[in-house]
N, C-alpha and C. Protein backbone atom coordinates (compact mmCIF):
# COMPACT_ATOMS: atom_id res chain seq x y z
N MET A 1 -17.01 107.11 -28.77
CA MET A 1 -17.25 106.44 -30.26
C MET A 1 -18.15 105.40 -30.55
N SER A 2 -19.43 105.11 -31.10
CA SER A 2 -19.73 103.93 -31.33
C SER A 2 -19.02 102.78 -31.85
N VAL A 3 -19.32 101.54 -31.46
CA VAL A 3 -18.50 100.55 -31.88
C VAL A 3 -18.27 100.31 -33.63
N PHE A 4 -19.90 100.79 -34.57
CA PHE A 4 -19.52 101.02 -35.53
C PHE A 4 -18.22 101.62 -36.09
N ALA A 5 -18.15 102.92 -35.37
CA ALA A 5 -17.42 103.81 -36.07
C ALA A 5 -16.11 103.18 -35.77
N LYS A 6 -15.62 102.70 -34.45
CA LYS A 6 -14.64 101.85 -34.35
C LYS A 6 -14.00 101.03 -35.24
N ARG A 7 -15.49 100.40 -35.22
CA ARG A 7 -14.28 98.90 -36.38
C ARG A 7 -14.63 99.71 -38.20
N LEU A 8 -14.79 100.82 -38.03
CA LEU A 8 -15.04 100.88 -39.47
C LEU A 8 -13.23 101.33 -40.23
N LYS A 9 -13.23 102.54 -38.89
CA LYS A 9 -12.26 103.02 -38.77
C LYS A 9 -10.40 102.00 -38.76
N GLU A 10 -10.51 100.67 -37.69
CA GLU A 10 -9.54 100.18 -37.30
C GLU A 10 -9.79 99.12 -38.84
N ALA A 11 -10.90 98.25 -39.71
CA ALA A 11 -10.91 98.27 -40.56
C ALA A 11 -10.53 98.26 -41.76
N ARG A 12 -10.80 100.10 -41.83
CA ARG A 12 -10.24 100.91 -43.08
C ARG A 12 -8.77 100.79 -43.11
N LYS A 13 -8.19 101.47 -42.22
CA LYS A 13 -7.25 101.23 -41.92
C LYS A 13 -5.99 100.49 -41.54
N ILE A 14 -6.78 98.81 -41.48
CA ILE A 14 -5.94 98.03 -41.55
C ILE A 14 -5.69 97.50 -42.98
N ALA A 15 -6.83 97.72 -44.12
CA ALA A 15 -6.78 97.82 -45.55
C ALA A 15 -6.02 98.63 -46.18
N GLY A 16 -5.49 99.56 -45.54
CA GLY A 16 -4.90 100.82 -46.51
C GLY A 16 -5.50 101.85 -47.27
N LEU A 17 -7.02 102.14 -46.65
CA LEU A 17 -7.68 103.14 -47.80
C LEU A 17 -7.85 104.75 -46.89
N SER A 18 -7.96 105.46 -47.51
CA SER A 18 -8.09 106.98 -47.10
C SER A 18 -9.95 106.60 -47.07
N GLN A 19 -10.09 107.26 -46.50
CA GLN A 19 -11.67 107.69 -46.14
C GLN A 19 -12.43 107.57 -47.74
N GLU A 20 -11.74 108.52 -48.97
CA GLU A 20 -12.37 108.97 -49.56
C GLU A 20 -12.26 107.64 -50.38
N LYS A 21 -10.75 106.57 -50.57
CA LYS A 21 -10.92 105.45 -51.47
C LYS A 21 -12.04 104.60 -50.92
N LEU A 22 -12.22 104.89 -49.45
CA LEU A 22 -13.09 103.65 -49.13
C LEU A 22 -14.12 104.26 -49.49
N GLY A 23 -14.68 104.96 -49.49
CA GLY A 23 -16.34 105.73 -49.87
C GLY A 23 -16.93 105.48 -51.59
N VAL A 24 -15.33 105.81 -52.26
CA VAL A 24 -15.58 106.11 -53.84
C VAL A 24 -15.84 103.85 -54.20
N ALA A 25 -14.90 102.99 -53.34
CA ALA A 25 -15.30 102.40 -53.44
C ALA A 25 -16.32 101.37 -52.98
N ALA A 26 -17.24 101.77 -52.21
CA ALA A 26 -18.10 101.41 -51.34
C ALA A 26 -19.72 101.81 -52.35
N GLY A 27 -19.46 102.78 -53.25
CA GLY A 27 -20.47 103.39 -54.08
C GLY A 27 -20.88 104.54 -53.87
N ILE A 28 -20.59 105.74 -53.48
CA ILE A 28 -20.64 106.66 -52.30
C ILE A 28 -20.19 107.17 -54.06
N ASP A 29 -20.98 108.43 -53.76
CA ASP A 29 -20.25 109.34 -54.83
C ASP A 29 -18.98 110.76 -54.08
N GLU A 30 -18.08 110.35 -55.60
CA GLU A 30 -17.15 111.03 -55.42
C GLU A 30 -16.69 111.91 -54.68
N MET A 31 -18.04 113.32 -54.86
CA MET A 31 -17.82 114.34 -53.88
C MET A 31 -17.87 114.49 -52.44
N SER A 32 -18.79 113.04 -51.61
CA SER A 32 -19.05 113.55 -51.03
C SER A 32 -18.11 112.29 -50.12
N ALA A 33 -17.81 111.85 -50.47
CA ALA A 33 -16.99 110.50 -49.92
C ALA A 33 -16.16 110.43 -49.18
N SER A 34 -15.31 111.14 -48.89
CA SER A 34 -14.80 111.56 -47.63
C SER A 34 -15.60 111.81 -46.50
N ALA A 35 -16.83 112.59 -46.56
CA ALA A 35 -17.22 113.87 -45.70
C ALA A 35 -18.08 112.73 -45.25
N ARG A 36 -18.46 111.34 -46.39
CA ARG A 36 -19.67 110.96 -46.17
C ARG A 36 -18.43 109.82 -44.68
N MET A 37 -18.13 109.30 -44.41
CA MET A 37 -16.79 108.36 -44.69
C MET A 37 -16.54 108.72 -42.72
N ASN A 38 -15.96 110.20 -42.73
CA ASN A 38 -16.00 110.77 -41.94
C ASN A 38 -16.97 110.95 -40.45
N GLN A 39 -17.56 111.23 -40.86
CA GLN A 39 -18.90 111.27 -40.49
C GLN A 39 -19.41 110.00 -39.68
N TYR A 40 -19.36 108.92 -41.02
CA TYR A 40 -19.15 107.63 -40.15
C TYR A 40 -18.51 107.32 -39.22
N GLU A 41 -17.13 107.74 -39.33
CA GLU A 41 -16.29 107.20 -38.46
C GLU A 41 -16.22 107.93 -37.54
N ARG A 42 -16.39 109.40 -37.37
CA ARG A 42 -16.39 109.92 -35.91
C ARG A 42 -17.88 109.20 -35.23
N GLY A 43 -19.05 108.93 -35.70
CA GLY A 43 -20.57 108.53 -34.96
C GLY A 43 -21.26 109.17 -35.24
N LYS A 44 -21.49 110.79 -36.03
CA LYS A 44 -21.92 111.48 -36.08
C LYS A 44 -23.59 111.32 -36.41
N HIS A 45 -23.83 110.08 -37.93
CA HIS A 45 -24.70 109.28 -39.24
C HIS A 45 -24.09 108.00 -38.97
N ASP A 46 -24.96 107.40 -39.17
CA ASP A 46 -25.27 106.35 -39.38
C ASP A 46 -24.86 105.88 -40.59
N PRO A 47 -24.66 104.63 -40.92
CA PRO A 47 -25.11 104.46 -42.46
C PRO A 47 -26.24 103.59 -42.79
N ASP A 48 -26.86 103.54 -43.29
CA ASP A 48 -28.17 102.85 -43.76
C ASP A 48 -27.48 101.11 -44.25
N TYR A 49 -28.04 100.05 -43.88
CA TYR A 49 -27.29 98.79 -43.70
C TYR A 49 -26.85 99.17 -44.79
N LEU A 50 -27.85 98.80 -46.60
CA LEU A 50 -27.63 98.57 -48.03
C LEU A 50 -25.65 99.08 -48.29
N THR A 51 -25.38 100.22 -47.59
CA THR A 51 -24.62 100.96 -47.80
C THR A 51 -22.67 99.99 -46.30
N VAL A 52 -23.55 100.12 -45.99
CA VAL A 52 -22.84 98.63 -44.63
C VAL A 52 -22.39 97.19 -45.28
N MET A 53 -23.40 97.30 -46.23
CA MET A 53 -22.42 96.03 -47.30
C MET A 53 -21.42 96.02 -47.96
N ARG A 54 -22.12 97.40 -49.17
CA ARG A 54 -20.81 97.97 -49.58
C ARG A 54 -19.94 97.98 -49.26
N ILE A 55 -20.06 98.20 -47.58
CA ILE A 55 -18.20 98.88 -47.61
C ILE A 55 -17.87 97.76 -46.52
N ALA A 56 -18.34 96.61 -46.12
CA ALA A 56 -17.71 95.46 -45.66
C ALA A 56 -17.23 94.55 -46.72
N LYS A 57 -18.14 94.94 -48.31
CA LYS A 57 -17.63 94.07 -48.99
C LYS A 57 -16.27 94.64 -49.74
N VAL A 58 -15.90 95.75 -49.52
CA VAL A 58 -14.69 96.49 -49.91
C VAL A 58 -13.53 96.16 -49.07
N LEU A 59 -13.85 95.95 -47.66
CA LEU A 59 -13.40 95.63 -46.74
C LEU A 59 -13.33 94.02 -45.92
N HIS A 60 -13.97 93.12 -46.90
CA HIS A 60 -13.83 92.17 -46.37
C HIS A 60 -14.54 91.37 -45.66
N VAL A 61 -14.72 92.02 -45.12
CA VAL A 61 -15.52 92.13 -43.11
C VAL A 61 -16.83 90.96 -43.61
N PRO A 62 -17.09 90.67 -42.57
CA PRO A 62 -19.15 90.91 -42.44
C PRO A 62 -19.54 91.73 -41.93
N GLU A 63 -20.53 92.21 -42.64
CA GLU A 63 -21.36 93.30 -41.82
C GLU A 63 -21.27 93.03 -40.47
N GLY A 64 -22.00 91.83 -39.71
CA GLY A 64 -22.27 91.64 -38.16
C GLY A 64 -20.49 92.43 -37.17
N TYR A 65 -19.28 92.36 -38.58
CA TYR A 65 -18.58 92.44 -37.53
C TYR A 65 -18.77 94.36 -36.67
N PHE A 66 -19.49 95.05 -37.55
CA PHE A 66 -19.54 95.79 -37.71
C PHE A 66 -20.12 96.36 -36.42
N TYR A 67 -20.97 96.13 -35.58
CA TYR A 67 -21.64 95.35 -34.45
C TYR A 67 -21.81 94.99 -33.69
N THR A 68 -20.14 94.58 -33.54
CA THR A 68 -19.13 93.19 -32.08
C THR A 68 -18.73 94.00 -31.56
N MET A 69 -19.51 93.48 -30.83
CA MET A 69 -18.81 94.51 -29.50
C MET A 69 -17.62 94.41 -29.09
N ASP A 70 -16.94 93.23 -28.25
CA ASP A 70 -16.57 92.26 -28.04
C ASP A 70 -15.07 92.19 -29.37
N ASP A 71 -13.88 92.71 -29.40
CA ASP A 71 -12.95 92.52 -30.27
C ASP A 71 -12.70 90.94 -30.64
N GLU A 72 -12.42 90.34 -29.22
CA GLU A 72 -12.54 88.46 -30.03
C GLU A 72 -13.49 88.32 -31.08
N ALA A 73 -14.76 88.05 -30.73
CA ALA A 73 -15.54 88.28 -31.25
C ALA A 73 -15.62 88.77 -32.71
N ALA A 74 -15.45 89.73 -32.48
CA ALA A 74 -14.75 90.39 -33.75
C ALA A 74 -14.02 90.23 -35.35
N TRP A 75 -12.91 89.18 -34.66
CA TRP A 75 -11.50 89.40 -34.91
C TRP A 75 -11.56 87.43 -35.58
N LEU A 76 -12.90 86.60 -34.21
CA LEU A 76 -12.86 85.70 -35.37
C LEU A 76 -13.81 85.61 -36.03
N ALA A 77 -14.45 86.84 -36.25
CA ALA A 77 -16.06 86.70 -37.30
C ALA A 77 -14.95 86.88 -38.54
N VAL A 78 -14.49 87.60 -38.07
CA VAL A 78 -13.30 88.49 -39.73
C VAL A 78 -12.97 86.66 -40.16
N THR A 79 -12.25 86.63 -39.59
CA THR A 79 -11.04 85.58 -39.53
C THR A 79 -12.17 84.14 -40.29
N PHE A 80 -12.79 83.62 -39.47
CA PHE A 80 -14.26 83.28 -40.46
C PHE A 80 -14.64 83.48 -41.53
N HIS A 81 -14.49 84.97 -41.89
CA HIS A 81 -15.77 84.76 -43.38
C HIS A 81 -14.21 85.09 -44.30
N ARG A 82 -13.15 85.61 -43.68
CA ARG A 82 -11.72 85.29 -44.59
C ARG A 82 -11.69 84.15 -45.40
N ALA A 83 -11.75 83.14 -44.67
CA ALA A 83 -11.13 81.07 -43.93
C ALA A 83 -11.73 80.79 -45.48
N SER A 84 -10.91 79.64 -45.96
CA SER A 84 -11.37 78.97 -47.05
C SER A 84 -12.90 78.16 -46.76
N PRO A 85 -12.86 77.63 -47.15
CA PRO A 85 -14.36 76.81 -47.53
C PRO A 85 -13.62 75.64 -46.35
N GLN A 86 -12.47 74.93 -46.65
CA GLN A 86 -12.11 73.79 -45.70
C GLN A 86 -12.16 74.25 -44.27
N ALA A 87 -11.42 75.03 -44.02
CA ALA A 87 -10.73 76.15 -42.85
C ALA A 87 -12.37 75.79 -42.16
N ARG A 88 -13.62 76.69 -43.03
CA ARG A 88 -14.23 76.59 -42.19
C ARG A 88 -15.08 75.53 -41.78
N GLU A 89 -14.33 74.52 -42.18
CA GLU A 89 -15.32 73.16 -42.29
C GLU A 89 -14.67 73.27 -40.57
N GLN A 90 -13.12 73.23 -40.43
CA GLN A 90 -12.36 72.82 -39.28
C GLN A 90 -13.01 73.88 -38.30
N ILE A 91 -12.86 75.25 -38.50
CA ILE A 91 -13.63 75.79 -37.29
C ILE A 91 -14.75 75.27 -37.00
N ILE A 92 -15.88 74.87 -38.10
CA ILE A 92 -16.99 74.71 -37.09
C ILE A 92 -16.52 73.81 -36.61
N ALA A 93 -15.83 72.65 -37.03
CA ALA A 93 -16.40 70.74 -35.96
C ALA A 93 -15.63 71.23 -34.99
N VAL A 94 -14.42 71.96 -35.14
CA VAL A 94 -13.49 72.43 -33.59
C VAL A 94 -14.60 73.14 -32.84
N ALA A 95 -15.02 74.47 -33.21
CA ALA A 95 -16.49 74.84 -31.94
C ALA A 95 -17.35 74.13 -31.81
N ARG A 96 -17.93 73.49 -33.00
CA ARG A 96 -19.07 72.09 -32.10
C ARG A 96 -17.83 71.16 -31.29
N SER A 97 -17.73 70.83 -31.42
CA SER A 97 -16.92 70.07 -30.12
C SER A 97 -16.15 70.31 -29.09
N ILE A 98 -16.48 71.28 -28.95
CA ILE A 98 -16.53 72.60 -27.78
C ILE A 98 -17.76 73.10 -26.71
N SER A 99 -18.80 72.70 -27.60
CA SER A 99 -19.42 73.95 -26.42
C SER A 99 -21.01 72.13 -26.23
């Protein structure tokens, strides 16, 4: 299973969405949404980047999350993406202090 497929399935399940609902919310035709999302999750096909951007928006994750190999780095990317502007400033300050 590709890292993209793994991350997509994880994020979709955490969001509590079916493959069809995610696909439709991401702008995929209702008639093919479930089948296309299933193919993406199985790694049979990869979506184009515009589709990745729409899926990421629906799931509230950064696009890079889908391509991050390391689980902790993926978690950090999502945490930072969802953080308030003030929390982001704090995260950046801490990261700068340790690098």
